[in-house]
Amino acid sequence: MTAPVVRSLLETDLYKFTMWQALLHGHPNSHTEYEFVCRNQPVYPLSELREELERELDHLCSMSFSDEELRYLRTLRYIKSDFVDFLTVFRFQRRFITVGTDGDTLTIRASGPQVHVMGFEIYVLYIVNELYFRRFDQSAALAEGRARLQAKVAALKAFGQQPARRNPFEFSDFGTRRRYSGVWHDEVVQCLARQVPEYFKGTSNVYQAMRFGLVPIGTMAHEYMQSFQAFGVRLRDFQKASLEAWVQEYRGDLGVALTDVVGMDAFLNDFDLYFAKLFDGLRHDSGDPVVWGEKALAHYARLRIDANTKRLVFSDGLNLHKAFELYGHFADRIMTGFGIGTHLTNDMGLEPLNIVMKLVACNGQSVAKLSDSPGKTLCKDETFLAYLRQVFQHHNS
């Protein structure tokens, strides 16, 4: 019998816990809907995974946090005692998530109280990935993966021979959602922590951070800010409201803000001197990263903030080569960080799945992301999308 894919409820991205805590404290009664989307063409139909996925979700909904895991969460200074108390009795409810098929397409929908359904996303994505890749030649994939991993280690060591820059090169693992498998993910993270600890600074995976003594990395994702589009504030003010709520919740911790919910230009219009001083830096997740970084630097300059006290975190489809290029461009002017996902944990010579599970509605109304990358905008309500574009003067697709 194959072991269940989900090994621990702690095995999700840190930002799920930090957003969860903030929303539990600020908006405990919100109701949300999340939908699964595959953006590329799988080798075989994902609909074939339905039966296995149903069993995996049954298992997920039988799990609870262990005492050891709860003790670990209490060691993170930004995680509050009452939130951990909530997690001691938390269980995912099977009735809040449904799986279906539409021809060859796999449909997954989570709908219910936000504090009960927002956590499904990461588990669903890595369950689908692991079930999908189990059908390929495992020995060939692992052999190719190990060869590529050692090539990455060699590239990092060679990169270390270059002249020192003002700020160091640092990267983290952001690869839980689209990994090849949990066992392979463990091997990648342990290899990097052992062989290149001067560059490898942590993982978004909280379970691995606990097990391997690593730093858990993450702050917020799009769903946190998108939720504020439906929280009763004027739509024009939803970014400011979400940033202010974050500041009040974390009081200086977790200070990297995500910038691309309605595009970088609209974000910077709201990211005034108050927020620019309070937040440690910004995270890039769509659009041209060099253009984005230059806009951030210009914004800090206009506000007369020393950019060397701030950090730019890049996390959009990165591989090491792209990270080295961006580091070369920015490292003497601002601190940088790089979150690398699929290219760390699913670089096996097989085409990865481009799958997401996104917030589509909150409190009975549509929410949306206006991406700076064509194809990343996600909203089925064209009327709301048009209104959002008008409010924020956003013209990209």
Protein backbone atom coordinates (compact mmCIF):
# COMPACT_ATOMS: atom_id res chain seq x y z
CA MET A 1 0.00 0.00 0.00
CA THR A 2 1.45 3.37 -1.02
CA ALA A 3 1.86 5.85 1.84
CA PRO A 4 -0.46 8.89 1.80
CA VAL A 5 0.98 11.94 0.06
CA VAL A 6 0.39 14.37 2.94
CA ARG A 7 2.77 13.47 5.76
CA SER A 8 1.86 16.22 8.21
CA LEU A 9 -0.52 19.18 8.42
CA LEU A 10 2.60 21.24 9.08
CA GLU A 11 3.73 20.44 5.54
CA THR A 12 2.47 23.57 3.86
CA ASP A 13 3.96 26.97 3.06
CA LEU A 14 4.63 29.33 5.96
CA TYR A 15 2.56 32.08 4.40
CA LYS A 16 -0.52 29.89 4.77
CA PHE A 17 -0.14 30.03 8.55
CA THR A 18 0.66 33.75 8.66
CA MET A 19 -2.31 34.68 6.43
CA TRP A 20 -4.54 32.24 8.30
CA GLN A 21 -3.70 33.85 11.64
CA ALA A 22 -4.27 37.38 10.33
CA LEU A 23 -7.62 36.47 8.76
CA LEU A 24 -8.77 34.48 11.78
CA HIS A 25 -8.12 37.52 13.98
CA GLY A 26 -9.47 40.14 11.58
CA HIS A 27 -12.18 38.44 9.52
CA PRO A 28 -13.17 35.15 11.16
CA ASN A 29 -16.60 34.99 9.50
CA SER A 30 -15.66 35.46 5.84
CA HIS A 31 -16.84 32.86 3.34
CA THR A 32 -14.69 32.01 0.32
CA GLU A 33 -14.44 29.88 -2.82
CA TYR A 34 -11.22 28.49 -4.30
CA GLU A 35 -10.84 26.81 -7.71
CA PHE A 36 -8.16 24.55 -9.17
CA VAL A 37 -6.75 25.39 -12.63
CA CYS A 38 -4.15 23.63 -14.79
CA ARG A 39 -2.55 26.19 -17.11
CA ASN A 40 -0.65 23.79 -19.37
CA GLN A 41 -1.34 20.50 -21.20
CA PRO A 42 -0.58 17.37 -19.13
CA VAL A 43 0.88 14.26 -20.77
CA TYR A 44 -2.23 12.33 -19.70
CA PRO A 45 -5.62 13.66 -18.51
CA LEU A 46 -5.67 14.81 -14.91
CA SER A 47 -9.25 13.51 -14.73
CA GLU A 48 -7.70 10.03 -14.37
CA LEU A 49 -6.47 11.06 -10.90
CA ARG A 50 -9.93 11.69 -9.48
CA GLU A 51 -10.36 8.44 -7.54
CA GLU A 52 -6.87 8.60 -5.99
CA LEU A 53 -7.31 12.28 -5.17
CA GLU A 54 -10.61 11.58 -3.39
CA ARG A 55 -8.83 9.03 -1.16
CA GLU A 56 -5.98 11.45 -0.44
CA LEU A 57 -8.45 14.18 0.56
CA ASP A 58 -10.25 11.72 2.85
CA HIS A 59 -6.89 11.09 4.53
CA LEU A 60 -6.09 14.82 4.76
CA CYS A 61 -9.42 15.44 6.50
CA SER A 62 -8.64 12.75 9.08
CA MET A 63 -5.39 14.46 10.15
CA SER A 64 -4.69 16.80 13.06
CA PHE A 65 -1.62 18.67 14.30
CA SER A 66 0.65 16.72 16.64
CA ASP A 67 1.84 18.08 19.98
CA GLU A 68 5.38 18.34 18.58
CA GLU A 69 4.16 20.40 15.61
CA LEU A 70 2.14 22.72 17.82
CA ARG A 71 5.14 23.23 20.11
CA TYR A 72 7.25 24.11 17.07
CA LEU A 73 4.73 26.72 15.91
CA ARG A 74 4.85 28.31 19.36
CA THR A 75 8.61 28.85 18.91
CA LEU A 76 7.93 31.23 15.99
CA ARG A 77 7.62 34.62 17.66
CA TYR A 78 5.04 35.98 15.20
CA ILE A 79 2.67 33.03 15.73
CA LYS A 80 0.28 33.88 18.55
CA SER A 81 -0.82 31.57 21.30
CA ASP A 82 -4.54 31.77 20.55
CA PHE A 83 -3.94 30.78 16.91
CA VAL A 84 -2.04 27.67 18.01
CA ASP A 85 -4.89 26.93 20.43
CA PHE A 86 -7.26 27.07 17.43
CA LEU A 87 -5.03 24.65 15.53
CA THR A 88 -5.07 22.13 18.39
CA VAL A 89 -8.72 21.37 17.55
CA PHE A 90 -8.63 22.12 13.81
CA ARG A 91 -9.61 19.49 11.25
CA PHE A 92 -10.25 19.98 7.54
CA GLN A 93 -13.91 19.27 6.73
CA ARG A 94 -14.44 16.97 3.74
CA ARG A 95 -17.79 18.58 2.91
CA PHE A 96 -16.04 21.85 2.05
CA ILE A 97 -14.05 20.41 -0.88
CA THR A 98 -15.41 18.65 -3.98
CA VAL A 99 -13.67 16.88 -6.84
CA GLY A 100 -15.14 16.28 -10.28
CA THR A 101 -14.28 15.87 -13.94
CA ASP A 102 -15.30 17.77 -17.06
CA GLY A 103 -14.14 15.62 -19.95
CA ASP A 104 -10.39 15.26 -19.45
CA THR A 105 -10.28 18.18 -17.01
CA LEU A 106 -10.02 17.67 -13.26
CA THR A 107 -12.20 20.09 -11.28
CA ILE A 108 -11.55 20.87 -7.62
CA ARG A 109 -13.50 23.43 -5.65
CA ALA A 110 -13.20 24.40 -1.99
CA SER A 111 -16.07 26.48 -0.63
CA GLY A 112 -16.86 27.43 2.96
CA PRO A 113 -15.66 29.59 5.85
CA GLN A 114 -12.30 31.05 4.84
CA VAL A 115 -10.54 29.87 8.00
CA HIS A 116 -11.66 26.31 7.15
CA VAL A 117 -10.96 26.20 3.41
CA MET A 118 -7.99 28.49 2.75
CA GLY A 119 -5.57 25.82 3.93
CA PHE A 120 -6.56 23.26 1.28
CA GLU A 121 -4.58 24.90 -1.55
CA ILE A 122 -1.00 23.74 -0.98
CA TYR A 123 -1.93 20.18 -0.02
CA VAL A 124 -4.19 19.81 -3.08
CA LEU A 125 -1.47 21.06 -5.41
CA TYR A 126 1.28 18.76 -4.17
CA ILE A 127 -1.10 15.79 -3.95
CA VAL A 128 -2.03 16.26 -7.62
CA ASN A 129 1.62 16.64 -8.56
CA GLU A 130 2.78 13.54 -6.72
CA LEU A 131 -0.08 11.38 -8.04
CA TYR A 132 0.61 12.61 -11.58
CA PHE A 133 4.37 11.98 -11.54
CA ARG A 134 4.05 8.52 -9.96
CA ARG A 135 3.03 7.26 -13.40
CA PHE A 136 6.38 8.12 -15.00
CA ASP A 137 9.64 6.13 -14.87
CA GLN A 138 10.80 6.82 -11.31
CA SER A 139 14.39 5.60 -11.59
CA ALA A 140 15.05 7.61 -14.76
CA ALA A 141 13.48 10.76 -13.28
CA LEU A 142 15.45 10.49 -10.03
CA ALA A 143 18.73 9.87 -11.87
CA GLU A 144 18.15 12.96 -14.01
CA GLY A 145 17.01 14.98 -10.99
CA ARG A 146 20.14 14.11 -9.01
CA ALA A 147 22.41 14.99 -11.92
CA ARG A 148 20.70 18.36 -12.29
CA LEU A 149 20.82 18.99 -8.55
CA GLN A 150 24.58 18.42 -8.48
CA ALA A 151 24.94 20.76 -11.45
CA LYS A 152 23.12 23.43 -9.43
CA VAL A 153 25.45 22.87 -6.48
CA ALA A 154 28.45 23.17 -8.80
CA ALA A 155 27.04 26.38 -10.31
CA LEU A 156 26.57 27.87 -6.83
CA LYS A 157 30.12 27.00 -5.80
CA ALA A 158 31.49 28.49 -9.03
CA PHE A 159 29.37 31.60 -8.48
CA GLY A 160 31.03 31.98 -5.09
CA GLN A 161 34.39 32.53 -6.77
CA GLN A 162 33.20 35.85 -8.25
CA PRO A 163 34.18 39.18 -6.63
CA ALA A 164 32.11 40.11 -3.59
CA ARG A 165 29.20 42.51 -4.03
CA ARG A 166 27.77 44.93 -1.50
CA ASN A 167 24.97 42.53 -0.52
CA PRO A 168 25.21 38.70 -0.44
CA PHE A 169 23.45 36.19 -2.71
CA GLU A 170 20.75 34.29 -0.79
CA PHE A 171 18.01 31.97 -2.00
CA SER A 172 15.27 29.81 -0.47
CA ASP A 173 13.18 26.82 -1.48
CA PHE A 174 9.65 27.80 -2.56
CA GLY A 175 8.93 24.45 -4.24
CA THR A 176 6.35 22.64 -2.10
CA ARG A 177 3.32 23.22 -4.36
CA ARG A 178 4.75 21.80 -7.59
CA ARG A 179 7.29 19.28 -6.34
CA TYR A 180 7.95 15.90 -7.93
CA SER A 181 7.41 14.13 -4.59
CA GLY A 182 7.82 14.67 -0.86
CA VAL A 183 10.77 12.28 -0.61
CA TRP A 184 12.57 14.04 -3.48
CA HIS A 185 11.82 17.44 -1.93
CA ASP A 186 13.50 16.25 1.30
CA GLU A 187 16.58 15.16 -0.66
CA VAL A 188 16.85 18.50 -2.48
CA VAL A 189 16.51 20.61 0.66
CA GLN A 190 18.96 18.51 2.69
CA CYS A 191 21.51 18.52 -0.15
CA LEU A 192 21.40 22.32 -0.47
CA ALA A 193 21.54 22.87 3.30
CA ARG A 194 24.55 20.58 3.56
CA GLN A 195 26.52 21.59 0.47
CA VAL A 196 25.82 25.32 0.00
CA PRO A 197 24.65 26.66 3.39
CA GLU A 198 26.23 30.04 2.66
CA TYR A 199 23.63 30.64 -0.07
CA PHE A 200 20.68 28.43 0.93
CA LYS A 201 18.77 30.32 3.62
CA GLY A 202 15.61 28.30 4.24
CA THR A 203 12.39 26.81 2.95
CA SER A 204 8.75 27.84 2.73
CA ASN A 205 7.88 24.30 3.90
CA VAL A 206 7.22 24.49 7.65
CA TYR A 207 7.41 20.71 8.20
CA GLN A 208 10.85 20.54 6.60
CA ALA A 209 11.98 23.62 8.53
CA MET A 210 11.07 21.81 11.76
CA ARG A 211 12.58 18.46 10.75
CA PHE A 212 15.84 19.73 9.30
CA GLY A 213 16.50 22.76 11.50
CA LEU A 214 15.97 25.31 8.70
CA VAL A 215 14.48 28.81 8.74
CA PRO A 216 10.82 28.87 7.55
CA ILE A 217 10.39 31.59 4.91
CA GLY A 218 7.28 33.49 3.82
CA THR A 219 4.89 36.35 4.53
CA MET A 220 1.75 36.79 2.38
CA ALA A 221 0.22 35.62 -0.90
CA HIS A 222 -2.33 37.09 -3.30
CA GLU A 223 -5.37 35.60 -1.54
CA TYR A 224 -4.72 37.68 1.59
CA MET A 225 -4.84 41.01 -0.24
CA GLN A 226 -7.58 39.89 -2.65
CA SER A 227 -9.85 39.05 0.28
CA PHE A 228 -9.90 42.73 1.21
CA GLN A 229 -11.67 43.45 -2.09
CA ALA A 230 -14.73 41.95 -0.35
CA PHE A 231 -14.23 43.12 3.23
CA GLY A 232 -16.38 46.23 3.06
CA VAL A 233 -13.69 48.83 2.39
CA ARG A 234 -13.87 51.03 -0.70
CA LEU A 235 -12.37 48.99 -3.56
CA ARG A 236 -9.83 51.73 -4.25
CA ASP A 237 -8.54 51.32 -0.68
CA PHE A 238 -8.32 47.51 -0.43
CA GLN A 239 -4.51 47.39 -0.74
CA LYS A 240 -3.99 49.99 1.97
CA ALA A 241 -6.49 48.21 4.22
CA SER A 242 -4.75 44.86 3.77
CA LEU A 243 -1.28 46.31 4.41
CA GLU A 244 -2.50 48.19 7.50
CA ALA A 245 -4.14 45.04 8.90
CA TRP A 246 -0.87 43.16 8.34
CA VAL A 247 1.13 45.83 10.16
CA GLN A 248 -1.25 45.73 13.11
CA GLU A 249 -1.13 41.92 13.26
CA TYR A 250 2.64 41.49 13.01
CA ARG A 251 4.05 44.74 14.45
CA GLY A 252 7.27 44.67 12.40
CA ASP A 253 7.68 40.95 11.74
CA LEU A 254 7.09 39.37 8.30
CA GLY A 255 7.76 42.65 6.54
CA VAL A 256 7.88 41.71 2.84
CA ALA A 257 4.84 42.95 0.90
CA LEU A 258 3.51 41.36 -2.29
CA THR A 259 3.14 43.92 -5.06
CA ASP A 260 1.25 42.42 -8.00
CA VAL A 261 -2.38 41.97 -6.97
CA VAL A 262 -3.38 44.90 -9.20
CA GLY A 263 0.03 45.57 -10.77
CA MET A 264 3.18 47.31 -9.56
CA ASP A 265 2.20 50.85 -10.55
CA ALA A 266 -1.09 50.70 -8.64
CA PHE A 267 0.70 49.11 -5.69
CA LEU A 268 3.30 51.88 -5.49
CA ASN A 269 0.55 54.51 -5.57
CA ASP A 270 -0.67 53.02 -2.28
CA PHE A 271 2.75 52.18 -0.82
CA ASP A 272 3.40 55.59 0.69
CA LEU A 273 6.14 56.71 3.09
CA TYR A 274 4.31 55.16 6.05
CA PHE A 275 4.21 51.67 4.52
CA ALA A 276 7.62 52.00 2.87
CA LYS A 277 9.20 52.63 6.27
CA LEU A 278 7.23 49.89 8.04
CA PHE A 279 7.84 47.10 5.51
CA ASP A 280 11.30 45.58 5.07
CA GLY A 281 10.89 45.02 1.35
CA LEU A 282 8.82 43.85 -1.60
CA ARG A 283 8.18 40.54 -3.40
CA HIS A 284 8.03 40.20 -7.18
CA ASP A 285 5.70 37.58 -8.72
CA SER A 286 4.77 38.80 -12.22
CA GLY A 287 5.96 41.06 -15.02
CA ASP A 288 9.52 41.92 -16.04
CA PRO A 289 11.62 41.60 -12.86
CA VAL A 290 14.22 44.19 -13.88
CA VAL A 291 11.56 46.78 -14.73
CA TRP A 292 9.81 45.96 -11.45
CA GLY A 293 13.00 46.30 -9.42
CA GLU A 294 13.91 49.60 -11.03
CA LYS A 295 10.44 50.93 -10.21
CA ALA A 296 10.91 49.86 -6.59
CA LEU A 297 14.32 51.57 -6.37
CA ALA A 298 12.96 54.76 -7.94
CA HIS A 299 10.07 54.73 -5.47
CA TYR A 300 12.40 54.38 -2.48
CA ALA A 301 14.55 57.21 -3.90
CA ARG A 302 11.51 59.49 -4.26
CA LEU A 303 10.63 58.79 -0.64
CA ARG A 304 14.27 59.46 0.41
CA ILE A 305 14.63 55.96 1.86
CA ASP A 306 18.05 54.32 1.69
CA ALA A 307 17.43 51.29 -0.54
CA ASN A 308 20.29 49.39 1.12
CA THR A 309 18.07 49.08 4.20
CA LYS A 310 15.39 47.30 2.12
CA ARG A 311 15.11 43.98 0.27
CA LEU A 312 13.68 42.86 -3.07
CA VAL A 313 12.53 39.23 -3.13
CA PHE A 314 12.11 37.61 -6.55
CA SER A 315 9.88 34.54 -6.85
CA ASP A 316 8.37 34.38 -10.35
CA GLY A 317 9.34 31.22 -12.25
CA LEU A 318 12.97 31.52 -11.20
CA ASN A 319 15.88 29.20 -11.89
CA LEU A 320 19.42 29.73 -10.63
CA HIS A 321 20.58 31.34 -13.88
CA LYS A 322 17.81 33.98 -13.71
CA ALA A 323 18.53 34.53 -10.02
CA PHE A 324 22.25 35.11 -10.73
CA GLU A 325 21.37 37.63 -13.47
CA LEU A 326 18.97 39.56 -11.21
CA TYR A 327 21.48 39.50 -8.38
CA GLY A 328 24.13 40.93 -10.70
CA HIS A 329 21.79 43.74 -11.69
CA PHE A 330 20.64 44.76 -8.18
CA ALA A 331 23.12 43.48 -5.57
CA ASP A 332 25.11 46.70 -5.16
CA ARG A 333 22.02 48.86 -4.71
CA ILE A 334 19.63 46.88 -2.50
CA MET A 335 19.47 43.60 -0.56
CA THR A 336 18.00 40.75 -2.61
CA GLY A 337 16.43 37.37 -1.97
CA PHE A 338 15.31 34.64 -4.35
CA GLY A 339 12.54 32.11 -3.87
CA ILE A 340 13.03 29.24 -6.31
CA GLY A 341 10.25 26.68 -6.66
CA THR A 342 9.63 24.27 -9.52
CA HIS A 343 13.20 24.53 -10.86
CA LEU A 344 14.48 23.22 -7.52
CA THR A 345 11.92 20.56 -6.61
CA ASN A 346 10.66 19.31 -9.99
CA ASP A 347 13.61 19.59 -12.38
CA MET A 348 13.60 15.94 -13.44
CA GLY A 349 13.63 16.08 -17.24
CA LEU A 350 9.81 15.90 -17.26
CA GLU A 351 7.53 18.84 -18.03
CA PRO A 352 6.12 20.14 -14.72
CA LEU A 353 2.43 20.81 -14.28
CA ASN A 354 1.53 24.50 -14.15
CA ILE A 355 -1.27 24.20 -11.60
CA VAL A 356 -2.80 26.70 -9.19
CA MET A 357 -5.71 26.82 -6.76
CA LYS A 358 -6.86 30.39 -6.44
CA LEU A 359 -9.36 32.43 -4.48
CA VAL A 360 -12.21 33.33 -6.86
CA ALA A 361 -14.90 34.69 -4.51
CA CYS A 362 -15.21 36.09 -1.00
CA ASN A 363 -18.41 36.87 0.88
CA GLY A 364 -20.51 36.22 -2.21
CA GLN A 365 -18.64 38.50 -4.58
CA SER A 366 -15.88 37.96 -7.12
CA VAL A 367 -12.28 38.89 -6.35
CA ALA A 368 -9.45 39.18 -8.85
CA LYS A 369 -5.76 39.59 -9.45
CA LEU A 370 -4.66 41.96 -12.24
CA SER A 371 -1.30 40.49 -13.12
CA ASP A 372 1.61 42.24 -14.81
CA SER A 373 2.15 38.97 -16.72
CA PRO A 374 -0.29 38.11 -19.56
CA GLY A 375 -2.19 34.93 -18.73
CA LYS A 376 -1.88 35.19 -14.95
CA THR A 377 -5.00 37.29 -14.42
CA LEU A 378 -7.65 35.07 -12.86
CA CYS A 379 -11.32 36.06 -12.66
CA LYS A 380 -14.46 34.68 -14.30
CA ASP A 381 -16.55 37.77 -13.60
CA GLU A 382 -15.81 40.07 -16.53
CA THR A 383 -17.89 42.89 -15.07
CA PHE A 384 -15.92 42.96 -11.82
CA LEU A 385 -12.65 42.61 -13.73
CA ALA A 386 -13.51 45.61 -15.90
CA TYR A 387 -14.47 47.64 -12.83
CA LEU A 388 -11.23 46.72 -11.05
CA ARG A 389 -9.20 47.70 -14.12
CA GLN A 390 -11.01 51.03 -14.28
CA VAL A 391 -10.51 51.79 -10.58
CA PHE A 392 -6.77 51.05 -10.76
CA GLN A 393 -6.21 52.18 -14.36
CA HIS A 394 -4.69 48.80 -15.21
CA HIS A 395 -4.47 47.85 -18.89
CA ASN A 396 -2.55 44.54 -19.01
CA SER A 397 -4.30 41.20 -19.52
